[in-house]
């Protein structure tokens, strides 16, 4: 019995230490914007939600998290009652901070990584690539809001846009250029090509895929726009998978040589190791000797 009491007390202390700052801020903000009574109600609801989240994640002693979360939030409500002058400017300050937190990184996706549009792909010149980029932007702008929170549907949507953009061209150089242009039209940042030092030689010998990794702010797809949980955790991981010769993918949608399919992973609370950024700014393309091996075949 004594051991159980000690365990409960330690859980409360540890959780309160972690929840004190965010809990106080939440209670303070809720009370300042909504009033004293509504601030208490919001604090209770958020504390219950935090406890449910902890239980779902299987955190130690998670069923005991409600009291320390609630105490921290109510402490914020009490502080708000003692700082009435602050409440006059607090809502505006909160809106400005949230706008900067959301809009700053989103704006950067439009103005950064311009060097990744200086690409040429073997015989595909930068002028030709720019034409793909222009057409990709037109395709995406003609169907705004077409992405949903389902990453499987997002994959299918990228596949569809790519096929419309490439219009049946078999050349691997054209196809890699078009896939890069499509992702860049949404502000995606190229990170690396999966196999080093020569992915095409390796895949031609062993089979499989050449994978091009990208980061994309989920808000550029219109998915996280009204989701407060995606203000800060917003990196979408996208891979453009080029099917190599020999070992065809036989999944739900069969793939043949030269196919490019997109794998989309929306932000999650589980951590994921970062993709190292390669020294080159553009996806790698095969040598002329291997180009035919990766060009698209007829179905």
Foldseek 3Di string as FASTA:
>chain_A
DVVVVVVLVVVLVVLLVVQQVVLLVQLQLQCLVPNLVRSLVVQLVVLVVQLVVCVVVVPPPSVSRSVSSSVNNVNSSVVNVVCVVCSVCVVVVVVVVLCCLQVVVVVCLVPPLPVLLCDAQVVRHSVNLVVLLVVLLVVDVVDALPDEPDQVVVQVVLLVSLCVSLVPFFWLSSSQSNSSSNCSSLSKAWAAWDDPDAVLVVCQVVWDWTKTKIWGFQVSNVHCPPPVVCSNQGIKIKIWTAGFPDDWDDPPDTDHAQRTTMGIDTGDPDDDDDRHGDPDRGYHHDDPVCRVRRTDDDD
